[in-house]
C-alpha atoms as a PDB file:
ATOM      1  CA  UNK A   1      77.941 119.961  88.138  1.00  0.00           C
ATOM      2  CA  UNK A   2      78.650 120.032  84.404  1.00  0.00           C
ATOM      3  CA  UNK A   3      79.846 116.915  82.635  1.00  0.00           C
ATOM      4  CA  UNK A   4      83.065 118.705  81.592  1.00  0.00           C
ATOM      5  CA  UNK A   5      83.920 119.665  85.193  1.00  0.00           C
ATOM      6  CA  UNK A   6      83.225 116.133  86.389  1.00  0.00           C
ATOM      7  CA  UNK A   7      85.476 114.753  83.634  1.00  0.00           C
ATOM      8  CA  UNK A   8      88.268 117.132  84.612  1.00  0.00           C
ATOM      9  CA  UNK A   9      88.001 116.024  88.231  1.00  0.00           C
ATOM     10  CA  UNK A  10      88.322 112.378  87.225  1.00  0.00           C
ATOM     11  CA  UNK A  11      91.416 113.244  85.147  1.00  0.00           C
ATOM     12  CA  UNK A  12      92.998 115.097  88.085  1.00  0.00           C
ATOM     13  CA  UNK A  13      92.407 112.138  90.407  1.00  0.00           C
ATOM     14  CA  UNK A  14      93.903 109.718  87.893  1.00  0.00           C
ATOM     15  CA  UNK A  15      96.934 112.016  87.610  1.00  0.00           C
ATOM     16  CA  UNK A  16      97.275 112.064  91.402  1.00  0.00           C
ATOM     17  CA  UNK A  17      97.075 108.280  91.513  1.00  0.00           C
ATOM     18  CA  UNK A  18      99.725 108.070  88.804  1.00  0.00           C
ATOM     19  CA  UNK A  19     102.083 110.288  90.820  1.00  0.00           C
ATOM     20  CA  UNK A  20     101.540 108.212  93.972  1.00  0.00           C
ATOM     21  CA  UNK A  21     102.137 105.011  92.031  1.00  0.00           C
ATOM     22  CA  UNK A  22     105.372 106.324  90.484  1.00  0.00           C
ATOM     23  CA  UNK A  23     106.649 107.489  93.862  1.00  0.00           C
ATOM     24  CA  UNK A  24     105.820 104.112  95.390  1.00  0.00           C
ATOM     25  CA  UNK A  25     107.571 102.218  92.587  1.00  0.00           C
ATOM     26  CA  UNK A  26     110.736 104.289  92.940  1.00  0.00           C
ATOM     27  CA  UNK A  27     111.163 102.973  96.469  1.00  0.00           C
ATOM     28  CA  UNK A  28     109.260  99.855  97.522  1.00  0.00           C
ATOM     29  CA  UNK A  29     109.849 100.590 101.203  1.00  0.00           C
ATOM     30  CA  UNK A  30     109.123 104.324 101.139  1.00  0.00           C
ATOM     31  CA  UNK A  31     106.714 105.511 103.829  1.00  0.00           C
ATOM     32  CA  UNK A  32     104.274 108.234 102.804  1.00  0.00           C
ATOM     33  CA  UNK A  33     103.878 110.906 105.431  1.00  0.00           C
ATOM     34  CA  UNK A  34     101.537 113.420 103.780  1.00  0.00           C
ATOM     35  CA  UNK A  35      98.421 111.707 102.485  1.00  0.00           C
ATOM     36  CA  UNK A  36      95.567 112.935 104.661  1.00  0.00           C
ATOM     37  CA  UNK A  37      95.376 116.362 103.001  1.00  0.00           C
ATOM     38  CA  UNK A  38      94.762 114.640  99.663  1.00  0.00           C
ATOM     39  CA  UNK A  39      91.843 112.706 101.146  1.00  0.00           C
ATOM     40  CA  UNK A  40      89.538 115.722 101.406  1.00  0.00           C
ATOM     41  CA  UNK A  41      90.418 117.340  98.101  1.00  0.00           C
ATOM     42  CA  UNK A  42      87.276 118.402  96.237  1.00  0.00           C
ATOM     43  CA  UNK A  43      88.088 116.283  93.193  1.00  0.00           C
ATOM     44  CA  UNK A  44      88.923 113.175  95.251  1.00  0.00           C
ATOM     45  CA  UNK A  45      85.676 113.355  97.222  1.00  0.00           C
ATOM     46  CA  UNK A  46      83.648 113.966  94.052  1.00  0.00           C
ATOM     47  CA  UNK A  47      85.154 110.955  92.285  1.00  0.00           C
ATOM     48  CA  UNK A  48      84.613 108.921  95.460  1.00  0.00           C
ATOM     49  CA  UNK A  49      80.933 109.935  95.442  1.00  0.00           C
ATOM     50  CA  UNK A  50      80.556 108.999  91.767  1.00  0.00           C
ATOM     51  CA  UNK A  51      82.041 105.542  92.375  1.00  0.00           C
ATOM     52  CA  UNK A  52      79.937 104.886  95.469  1.00  0.00           C
ATOM     53  CA  UNK A  53      76.814 106.166  93.720  1.00  0.00           C
ATOM     54  CA  UNK A  54      77.437 103.846  90.767  1.00  0.00           C
ATOM     55  CA  UNK A  55      77.535 100.883  93.151  1.00  0.00           C
ATOM     56  CA  UNK A  56      74.221 102.005  94.673  1.00  0.00           C
ATOM     57  CA  UNK A  57      73.498  99.826  97.714  1.00  0.00           C
ATOM     58  CA  UNK A  58      71.227 100.016 100.727  1.00  0.00           C
ATOM     59  CA  UNK A  59      71.352 102.760 103.384  1.00  0.00           C
ATOM     60  CA  UNK A  60      73.168 102.269 106.694  1.00  0.00           C
ATOM     61  CA  UNK A  61      72.091 102.935 110.271  1.00  0.00           C
ATOM     62  CA  UNK A  62      71.035 106.527 109.507  1.00  0.00           C
ATOM     63  CA  UNK A  63      68.580 105.247 106.833  1.00  0.00           C
ATOM     64  CA  UNK A  64      69.709 107.944 104.388  1.00  0.00           C
ATOM     65  CA  UNK A  65      69.694 106.569 100.852  1.00  0.00           C
ATOM     66  CA  UNK A  66      71.134 108.188  97.730  1.00  0.00           C
ATOM     67  CA  UNK A  67      67.814 109.684  96.676  1.00  0.00           C
ATOM     68  CA  UNK A  68      67.439 111.433 100.038  1.00  0.00           C
ATOM     69  CA  UNK A  69      70.935 112.930  99.797  1.00  0.00           C
ATOM     70  CA  UNK A  70      70.389 114.083  96.216  1.00  0.00           C
ATOM     71  CA  UNK A  71      66.915 115.561  96.742  1.00  0.00           C
ATOM     72  CA  UNK A  72      66.902 116.764 100.369  1.00  0.00           C
ATOM     73  CA  UNK A  73      70.542 117.625 101.111  1.00  0.00           C
ATOM     74  CA  UNK A  74      72.107 118.113  97.709  1.00  0.00           C
ATOM     75  CA  UNK A  75      75.283 116.339  96.610  1.00  0.00           C
ATOM     76  CA  UNK A  76      77.405 119.506  96.682  1.00  0.00           C
ATOM     77  CA  UNK A  77      76.295 120.374 100.225  1.00  0.00           C
ATOM     78  CA  UNK A  78      76.754 116.768 101.354  1.00  0.00           C
ATOM     79  CA  UNK A  79      80.316 116.639 100.021  1.00  0.00           C
ATOM     80  CA  UNK A  80      81.180 120.116 101.307  1.00  0.00           C
ATOM     81  CA  UNK A  81      80.139 119.136 104.836  1.00  0.00           C
ATOM     82  CA  UNK A  82      82.103 115.877 104.671  1.00  0.00           C
ATOM     83  CA  UNK A  83      85.122 117.720 103.317  1.00  0.00           C
ATOM     84  CA  UNK A  84      85.064 120.229 106.164  1.00  0.00           C
ATOM     85  CA  UNK A  85      84.675 117.485 108.785  1.00  0.00           C
ATOM     86  CA  UNK A  86      87.672 115.667 107.361  1.00  0.00           C
ATOM     87  CA  UNK A  87      89.728 118.865 107.047  1.00  0.00           C
ATOM     88  CA  UNK A  88      89.304 119.898 110.692  1.00  0.00           C
ATOM     89  CA  UNK A  89      89.473 116.242 111.823  1.00  0.00           C
ATOM     90  CA  UNK A  90      85.971 116.342 113.268  1.00  0.00           C
ATOM     91  CA  UNK A  91      84.833 113.383 111.205  1.00  0.00           C
ATOM     92  CA  UNK A  92      83.701 110.295 113.148  1.00  0.00           C
ATOM     93  CA  UNK A  93      82.324 107.168 111.435  1.00  0.00           C
ATOM     94  CA  UNK A  94      78.979 105.713 112.441  1.00  0.00           C
ATOM     95  CA  UNK A  95      78.451 102.041 113.359  1.00  0.00           C
ATOM     96  CA  UNK A  96      78.072  99.577 110.528  1.00  0.00           C
ATOM     97  CA  UNK A  97      74.635  98.040 109.979  1.00  0.00           C
ATOM     98  CA  UNK A  98      74.966  94.262 110.129  1.00  0.00           C
ATOM     99  CA  UNK A  99      72.691  92.054 108.095  1.00  0.00           C
ATOM    100  CA  UNK A 100      72.919  88.408 107.104  1.00  0.00           C
ATOM    101  CA  UNK A 101      72.876  87.091 103.557  1.00  0.00           C
ATOM    102  CA  UNK A 102      72.586  83.563 102.230  1.00  0.00           C
ATOM    103  CA  UNK A 103      75.622  81.631 101.036  1.00  0.00           C
ATOM    104  CA  UNK A 104      74.771  80.024  97.683  1.00  0.00           C
ATOM    105  CA  UNK A 105      74.197  76.304  98.141  1.00  0.00           C
ATOM    106  CA  UNK A 106      74.989  76.395 101.867  1.00  0.00           C
ATOM    107  CA  UNK A 107      72.745  76.458 104.953  1.00  0.00           C
ATOM    108  CA  UNK A 108      74.802  79.032 106.883  1.00  0.00           C
ATOM    109  CA  UNK A 109      74.596  82.783 106.332  1.00  0.00           C
ATOM    110  CA  UNK A 110      77.332  85.362 105.787  1.00  0.00           C
ATOM    111  CA  UNK A 111      77.488  88.611 107.820  1.00  0.00           C
ATOM    112  CA  UNK A 112      77.466  91.764 105.708  1.00  0.00           C
ATOM    113  CA  UNK A 113      78.335  95.197 107.070  1.00  0.00           C
ATOM    114  CA  UNK A 114      76.665  98.248 105.511  1.00  0.00           C
ATOM    115  CA  UNK A 115      78.307 101.592 106.381  1.00  0.00           C
ATOM    116  CA  UNK A 116      76.321 104.810 105.998  1.00  0.00           C
ATOM    117  CA  UNK A 117      76.821 106.524 102.628  1.00  0.00           C
ATOM    118  CA  UNK A 118      78.879 109.302 104.214  1.00  0.00           C
ATOM    119  CA  UNK A 119      81.364 106.723 105.519  1.00  0.00           C
ATOM    120  CA  UNK A 120      81.344 104.874 102.199  1.00  0.00           C
ATOM    121  CA  UNK A 121      82.393 108.044 100.378  1.00  0.00           C
ATOM    122  CA  UNK A 122      85.166 108.747 102.905  1.00  0.00           C
ATOM    123  CA  UNK A 123      86.402 105.160 102.631  1.00  0.00           C
ATOM    124  CA  UNK A 124      86.365 105.330  98.832  1.00  0.00           C
ATOM    125  CA  UNK A 125      88.421 108.526  98.993  1.00  0.00           C
ATOM    126  CA  UNK A 126      90.953 106.728 101.195  1.00  0.00           C
ATOM    127  CA  UNK A 127      90.993 103.786  98.787  1.00  0.00           C
ATOM    128  CA  UNK A 128      91.695 106.116  95.847  1.00  0.00           C
ATOM    129  CA  UNK A 129      94.739 107.456  97.703  1.00  0.00           C
ATOM    130  CA  UNK A 130      96.040 104.226  99.236  1.00  0.00           C
ATOM    131  CA  UNK A 131      95.510 101.698  96.455  1.00  0.00           C
ATOM    132  CA  UNK A 132      98.169 103.047  94.023  1.00  0.00           C
ATOM    133  CA  UNK A 133     100.754 102.823  96.807  1.00  0.00           C
ATOM    134  CA  UNK A 134     100.046  99.272  97.936  1.00  0.00           C
ATOM    135  CA  UNK A 135      99.477  97.970  94.404  1.00  0.00           C
ATOM    136  CA  UNK A 136     103.206  98.361  93.762  1.00  0.00           C
ATOM    137  CA  UNK A 137     103.908  95.768  96.478  1.00  0.00           C
ATOM    138  CA  UNK A 138     101.116  93.273  95.812  1.00  0.00           C
ATOM    139  CA  UNK A 139     102.171  90.052  94.087  1.00  0.00           C
ATOM    140  CA  UNK A 140     100.717  88.579  90.863  1.00  0.00           C
ATOM    141  CA  UNK A 141      99.181  85.656  92.798  1.00  0.00           C
ATOM    142  CA  UNK A 142      96.586  88.044  94.310  1.00  0.00           C
ATOM    143  CA  UNK A 143      93.514  88.511  92.070  1.00  0.00           C
ATOM    144  CA  UNK A 144      90.703  89.748  94.311  1.00  0.00           C
ATOM    145  CA  UNK A 145      89.425  93.342  94.086  1.00  0.00           C
ATOM    146  CA  UNK A 146      92.457  94.648  92.222  1.00  0.00           C
ATOM    147  CA  UNK A 147      92.759  96.731  89.022  1.00  0.00           C
ATOM    148  CA  UNK A 148      92.839  94.519  85.914  1.00  0.00           C
ATOM    149  CA  UNK A 149      92.361  91.403  88.058  1.00  0.00           C
ATOM    150  CA  UNK A 150      89.270  89.254  88.577  1.00  0.00           C
ATOM    151  CA  UNK A 151      88.031  85.764  89.380  1.00  0.00           C
ATOM    152  CA  UNK A 152      88.497  85.044  85.660  1.00  0.00           C
ATOM    153  CA  UNK A 153      92.211  85.871  85.756  1.00  0.00           C
ATOM    154  CA  UNK A 154      92.529  83.631  88.814  1.00  0.00           C
ATOM    155  CA  UNK A 155      90.809  80.738  87.032  1.00  0.00           C
ATOM    156  CA  UNK A 156      93.036  81.236  83.978  1.00  0.00           C
ATOM    157  CA  UNK A 157      96.132  80.978  86.207  1.00  0.00           C
ATOM    158  CA  UNK A 158      94.829  77.740  87.716  1.00  0.00           C
ATOM    159  CA  UNK A 159      94.203  76.268  84.256  1.00  0.00           C
ATOM    160  CA  UNK A 160      97.702  77.198  83.084  1.00  0.00           C
ATOM    161  CA  UNK A 161      99.323  75.745  86.205  1.00  0.00           C
ATOM    162  CA  UNK A 162      97.523  72.422  85.717  1.00  0.00           C
ATOM    163  CA  UNK A 163      97.806  72.205  81.918  1.00  0.00           C
ATOM    164  CA  UNK A 164     101.289  73.540  81.255  1.00  0.00           C
ATOM    165  CA  UNK A 165     103.139  73.172  84.582  1.00  0.00           C
ATOM    166  CA  UNK A 166     101.706  69.798  85.557  1.00  0.00           C
ATOM    167  CA  UNK A 167     100.741  70.987  89.032  1.00  0.00           C
ATOM    168  CA  UNK A 168      97.913  68.511  89.563  1.00  0.00           C
ATOM    169  CA  UNK A 169      97.804  68.275  93.370  1.00  0.00           C
ATOM    170  CA  UNK A 170      95.376  70.971  94.490  1.00  0.00           C
ATOM    171  CA  UNK A 171      95.109  72.288  98.039  1.00  0.00           C
ATOM    172  CA  UNK A 172      91.670  73.915  98.271  1.00  0.00           C
ATOM    173  CA  UNK A 173      91.928  76.085 101.369  1.00  0.00           C
ATOM    174  CA  UNK A 174      89.362  77.778 103.588  1.00  0.00           C
ATOM    175  CA  UNK A 175      90.232  80.301 106.304  1.00  0.00           C
ATOM    176  CA  UNK A 176      88.018  80.226 109.388  1.00  0.00           C
ATOM    177  CA  UNK A 177      86.044  83.508 109.665  1.00  0.00           C
ATOM    178  CA  UNK A 178      88.714  85.551 107.931  1.00  0.00           C
ATOM    179  CA  UNK A 179      87.202  89.039 108.075  1.00  0.00           C
ATOM    180  CA  UNK A 180      86.157  88.534 111.682  1.00  0.00           C
ATOM    181  CA  UNK A 181      89.672  87.518 112.752  1.00  0.00           C
ATOM    182  CA  UNK A 182      91.843  90.268 111.257  1.00  0.00           C
ATOM    183  CA  UNK A 183      93.922  91.667 114.102  1.00  0.00           C
ATOM    184  CA  UNK A 184      93.718  95.459 114.192  1.00  0.00           C
ATOM    185  CA  UNK A 185      97.180  95.983 115.670  1.00  0.00           C
ATOM    186  CA  UNK A 186      98.839  93.735 113.109  1.00  0.00           C
ATOM    187  CA  UNK A 187      96.898  95.234 110.192  1.00  0.00           C
ATOM    188  CA  UNK A 188      97.821  98.794 111.205  1.00  0.00           C
ATOM    189  CA  UNK A 189     101.438  97.729 111.599  1.00  0.00           C
ATOM    190  CA  UNK A 190     101.412  96.344 108.054  1.00  0.00           C
ATOM    191  CA  UNK A 191      99.795  99.543 106.746  1.00  0.00           C
ATOM    192  CA  UNK A 192     102.407 101.522 108.660  1.00  0.00           C
ATOM    193  CA  UNK A 193     105.137  99.992 106.523  1.00  0.00           C
ATOM    194  CA  UNK A 194     103.926 102.235 103.707  1.00  0.00           C
ATOM    195  CA  UNK A 195     102.003 105.020 105.449  1.00  0.00           C
ATOM    196  CA  UNK A 196     103.441 107.102 108.287  1.00  0.00           C
ATOM    197  CA  UNK A 197     100.765 109.837 108.224  1.00  0.00           C
ATOM    198  CA  UNK A 198      99.320 109.610 111.744  1.00  0.00           C
ATOM    199  CA  UNK A 199      96.063 111.281 110.710  1.00  0.00           C
ATOM    200  CA  UNK A 200      95.516 108.629 108.044  1.00  0.00           C
ATOM    201  CA  UNK A 201      96.291 105.816 110.485  1.00  0.00           C
ATOM    202  CA  UNK A 202      93.890 107.294 113.060  1.00  0.00           C
ATOM    203  CA  UNK A 203      91.154 107.408 110.424  1.00  0.00           C
ATOM    204  CA  UNK A 204      91.710 103.758 109.494  1.00  0.00           C
ATOM    205  CA  UNK A 205      91.650 102.783 113.157  1.00  0.00           C
ATOM    206  CA  UNK A 206      88.380 104.699 113.603  1.00  0.00           C
ATOM    207  CA  UNK A 207      86.755 102.662 110.828  1.00  0.00           C
ATOM    208  CA  UNK A 208      87.979  99.424 112.388  1.00  0.00           C
ATOM    209  CA  UNK A 209      86.650 100.498 115.797  1.00  0.00           C
ATOM    210  CA  UNK A 210      83.293 101.854 114.605  1.00  0.00           C
ATOM    211  CA  UNK A 211      81.419  98.781 115.813  1.00  0.00           C
ATOM    212  CA  UNK A 212      78.231  97.271 114.398  1.00  0.00           C
ATOM    213  CA  UNK A 213      74.508  97.754 114.894  1.00  0.00           C
ATOM    214  CA  UNK A 214      72.199  94.758 114.644  1.00  0.00           C
ATOM    215  CA  UNK A 215      68.484  94.829 115.483  1.00  0.00           C
ATOM    216  CA  UNK A 216      68.988  98.169 117.190  1.00  0.00           C
ATOM    217  CA  UNK A 217      71.708  96.859 119.499  1.00  0.00           C
ATOM    218  CA  UNK A 218      75.231  98.317 119.313  1.00  0.00           C
ATOM    219  CA  UNK A 219      78.199  95.963 119.523  1.00  0.00           C
ATOM    220  CA  UNK A 220      81.776  97.152 119.976  1.00  0.00           C
ATOM    221  CA  UNK A 221      84.343  95.850 117.526  1.00  0.00           C
ATOM    222  CA  UNK A 222      87.008  94.850 120.048  1.00  0.00           C
ATOM    223  CA  UNK A 223      90.543  94.303 118.770  1.00  0.00           C
ATOM    224  CA  UNK A 224      89.809  92.042 115.804  1.00  0.00           C
ATOM    225  CA  UNK A 225      87.616  92.045 112.719  1.00  0.00           C
ATOM    226  CA  UNK A 226      86.890  94.168 109.659  1.00  0.00           C
ATOM    227  CA  UNK A 227      83.237  94.370 108.533  1.00  0.00           C
ATOM    228  CA  UNK A 228      82.731  92.487 105.279  1.00  0.00           C
ATOM    229  CA  UNK A 229      80.992  94.931 102.978  1.00  0.00           C
ATOM    230  CA  UNK A 230      82.867  98.150 103.728  1.00  0.00           C
ATOM    231  CA  UNK A 231      84.372  99.973 100.735  1.00  0.00           C
ATOM    232  CA  UNK A 232      87.851  99.901 102.278  1.00  0.00           C
ATOM    233  CA  UNK A 233      87.626  96.282 103.498  1.00  0.00           C
ATOM    234  CA  UNK A 234      88.846  94.530 100.306  1.00  0.00           C
ATOM    235  CA  UNK A 235      91.988  96.678 100.201  1.00  0.00           C
ATOM    236  CA  UNK A 236      92.653  96.098 103.906  1.00  0.00           C
ATOM    237  CA  UNK A 237      92.090  92.374 103.316  1.00  0.00           C
ATOM    238  CA  UNK A 238      94.701  92.325 100.560  1.00  0.00           C
ATOM    239  CA  UNK A 239      97.179  94.289 102.680  1.00  0.00           C
ATOM    240  CA  UNK A 240      96.791  91.767 105.506  1.00  0.00           C
ATOM    241  CA  UNK A 241      97.119  88.670 103.303  1.00  0.00           C
ATOM    242  CA  UNK A 242      99.957  90.177 101.250  1.00  0.00           C
ATOM    243  CA  UNK A 243     102.164  88.967 104.103  1.00  0.00           C
ATOM    244  CA  UNK A 244     100.942  85.426 103.420  1.00  0.00           C
ATOM    245  CA  UNK A 245     101.637  85.862  99.698  1.00  0.00           C
ATOM    246  CA  UNK A 246     105.163  86.998 100.520  1.00  0.00           C
ATOM    247  CA  UNK A 247     105.779  84.138 102.956  1.00  0.00           C
ATOM    248  CA  UNK A 248     104.687  81.637 100.316  1.00  0.00           C
ATOM    249  CA  UNK A 249     106.867  83.259  97.628  1.00  0.00           C
ATOM    250  CA  UNK A 250     109.905  83.087  99.937  1.00  0.00           C
ATOM    251  CA  UNK A 251     109.186  79.569 101.230  1.00  0.00           C
ATOM    252  CA  UNK A 252     110.834  77.684  98.398  1.00  0.00           C
ATOM    253  CA  UNK A 253     107.691  75.617  97.824  1.00  0.00           C
ATOM    254  CA  UNK A 254     107.711  74.388  94.227  1.00  0.00           C
ATOM    255  CA  UNK A 255     104.147  75.235  93.436  1.00  0.00           C
ATOM    256  CA  UNK A 256     101.780  78.072  92.709  1.00  0.00           C
ATOM    257  CA  UNK A 257      99.514  80.089  94.985  1.00  0.00           C
ATOM    258  CA  UNK A 258      96.414  81.686  93.441  1.00  0.00           C
ATOM    259  CA  UNK A 259      94.427  83.867  95.842  1.00  0.00           C
ATOM    260  CA  UNK A 260      91.156  85.769  95.449  1.00  0.00           C
ATOM    261  CA  UNK A 261      90.606  87.824  98.643  1.00  0.00           C
ATOM    262  CA  UNK A 262      90.430  85.216 101.433  1.00  0.00           C
ATOM    263  CA  UNK A 263      89.890  82.256  99.093  1.00  0.00           C
ATOM    264  CA  UNK A 264      92.954  80.542  97.693  1.00  0.00           C
ATOM    265  CA  UNK A 265      94.283  77.357  96.173  1.00  0.00           C
ATOM    266  CA  UNK A 266      97.830  76.022  96.064  1.00  0.00           C
ATOM    267  CA  UNK A 267      98.889  73.763  93.210  1.00  0.00           C
ATOM    268  CA  UNK A 268     101.907  71.476  93.571  1.00  0.00           C
ATOM    269  CA  UNK A 269     103.365  68.220  92.224  1.00  0.00           C
ATOM    270  CA  UNK A 270     102.588  65.821  95.063  1.00  0.00           C
ATOM    271  CA  UNK A 271     103.608  66.363  98.724  1.00  0.00           C
ATOM    272  CA  UNK A 272     100.260  67.992  99.397  1.00  0.00           C
ATOM    273  CA  UNK A 273     100.225  67.192 103.116  1.00  0.00           C
ATOM    274  CA  UNK A 274     103.705  68.623 103.683  1.00  0.00           C
ATOM    275  CA  UNK A 275     102.845  71.827 101.831  1.00  0.00           C
ATOM    276  CA  UNK A 276      99.530  72.102 103.671  1.00  0.00           C
ATOM    277  CA  UNK A 277     101.370  71.926 107.003  1.00  0.00           C
ATOM    278  CA  UNK A 278     103.702  74.746 105.898  1.00  0.00           C
ATOM    279  CA  UNK A 279     100.768  76.879 104.765  1.00  0.00           C
ATOM    280  CA  UNK A 280      99.040  76.344 108.080  1.00  0.00           C
ATOM    281  CA  UNK A 281     102.113  77.686 109.920  1.00  0.00           C
ATOM    282  CA  UNK A 282     102.264  80.743 107.652  1.00  0.00           C
ATOM    283  CA  UNK A 283      98.651  81.640 108.411  1.00  0.00           C
ATOM    284  CA  UNK A 284      99.179  81.098 112.127  1.00  0.00           C
ATOM    285  CA  UNK A 285     101.749  83.917 112.044  1.00  0.00           C
ATOM    286  CA  UNK A 286      98.834  86.142 111.001  1.00  0.00           C
ATOM    287  CA  UNK A 287      96.646  84.653 113.768  1.00  0.00           C
ATOM    288  CA  UNK A 288      94.507  82.876 111.165  1.00  0.00           C
ATOM    289  CA  UNK A 289      93.410  79.247 111.055  1.00  0.00           C
ATOM    290  CA  UNK A 290      92.459  76.943 108.225  1.00  0.00           C
ATOM    291  CA  UNK A 291      89.094  75.234 108.435  1.00  0.00           C
ATOM    292  CA  UNK A 292      89.827  71.564 109.242  1.00  0.00           C
ATOM    293  CA  UNK A 293      86.750  70.272 107.398  1.00  0.00           C
ATOM    294  CA  UNK A 294      86.569  72.636 104.425  1.00  0.00           C
ATOM    295  CA  UNK A 295      90.266  72.547 103.538  1.00  0.00           C
ATOM    296  CA  UNK A 296      90.953  69.634 101.212  1.00  0.00           C
ATOM    297  CA  UNK A 297      93.713  68.102  99.090  1.00  0.00           C
ATOM    298  CA  UNK A 298      92.424  67.018  95.712  1.00  0.00           C
ATOM    299  CA  UNK A 299      93.731  65.747  92.396  1.00  0.00           C
ATOM    300  CA  UNK A 300      93.118  68.003  89.433  1.00  0.00           C
END
């Protein structure tokens, strides 16, 4: 593919995202009923491939890496086959390869799910379509895996809250096994507030139900959990915890919440224990628990 054609495809996808964002902003409770057909557009899948390819990463359970796809299958053929499978709704995700990585400075390990590249491209295409819609609802307190947001913007907010607002009581929170405890039914219900396209919802459910493969043994996903490492997982994580952000914003607590994915701190002027108890109840409504040993109240 020529560089000019690739550039034009990226422009078309950005234009599509802009239209979705504008439509979402016009009505913050609008439900989008025709999204799936945009998922398998040639330009969307090509941009999705480019983004996934730039991230590189290890192969999944099928052991196909990027070099194999480029040399043996051909990118155009690979994307054409994926597009057709999505179009006729014959696409089925493969199990996620589970591996364990070290946590810096800690003895325990973190589970990491590695989808096959084909599923990564499909998930990236879904992210390109869904993200502009949900971004209109997300609150400023959320900094993880969002456009123009980062851990640096989160740290800057914490500094400002301490320095200029005098919020020196810090609740350093830790959610127990967050990604492994996301309830599928509740997550899909939250997604359904913005997306009514049944084909899109079925696809998201299929990714949640794909299961994992570890040491050659397949494990079903059950009714909870989203593999940490999937392309779509950060967006789904933010959709799920957006409810927590909203509960905090409407709680009347005189303080500030700063969240990066499943890590967050709350800064207040005293009354840390009372606020911590309220936060615990908010998370319980999402079937989440705070770690009793890792959650602490500290002075800035």
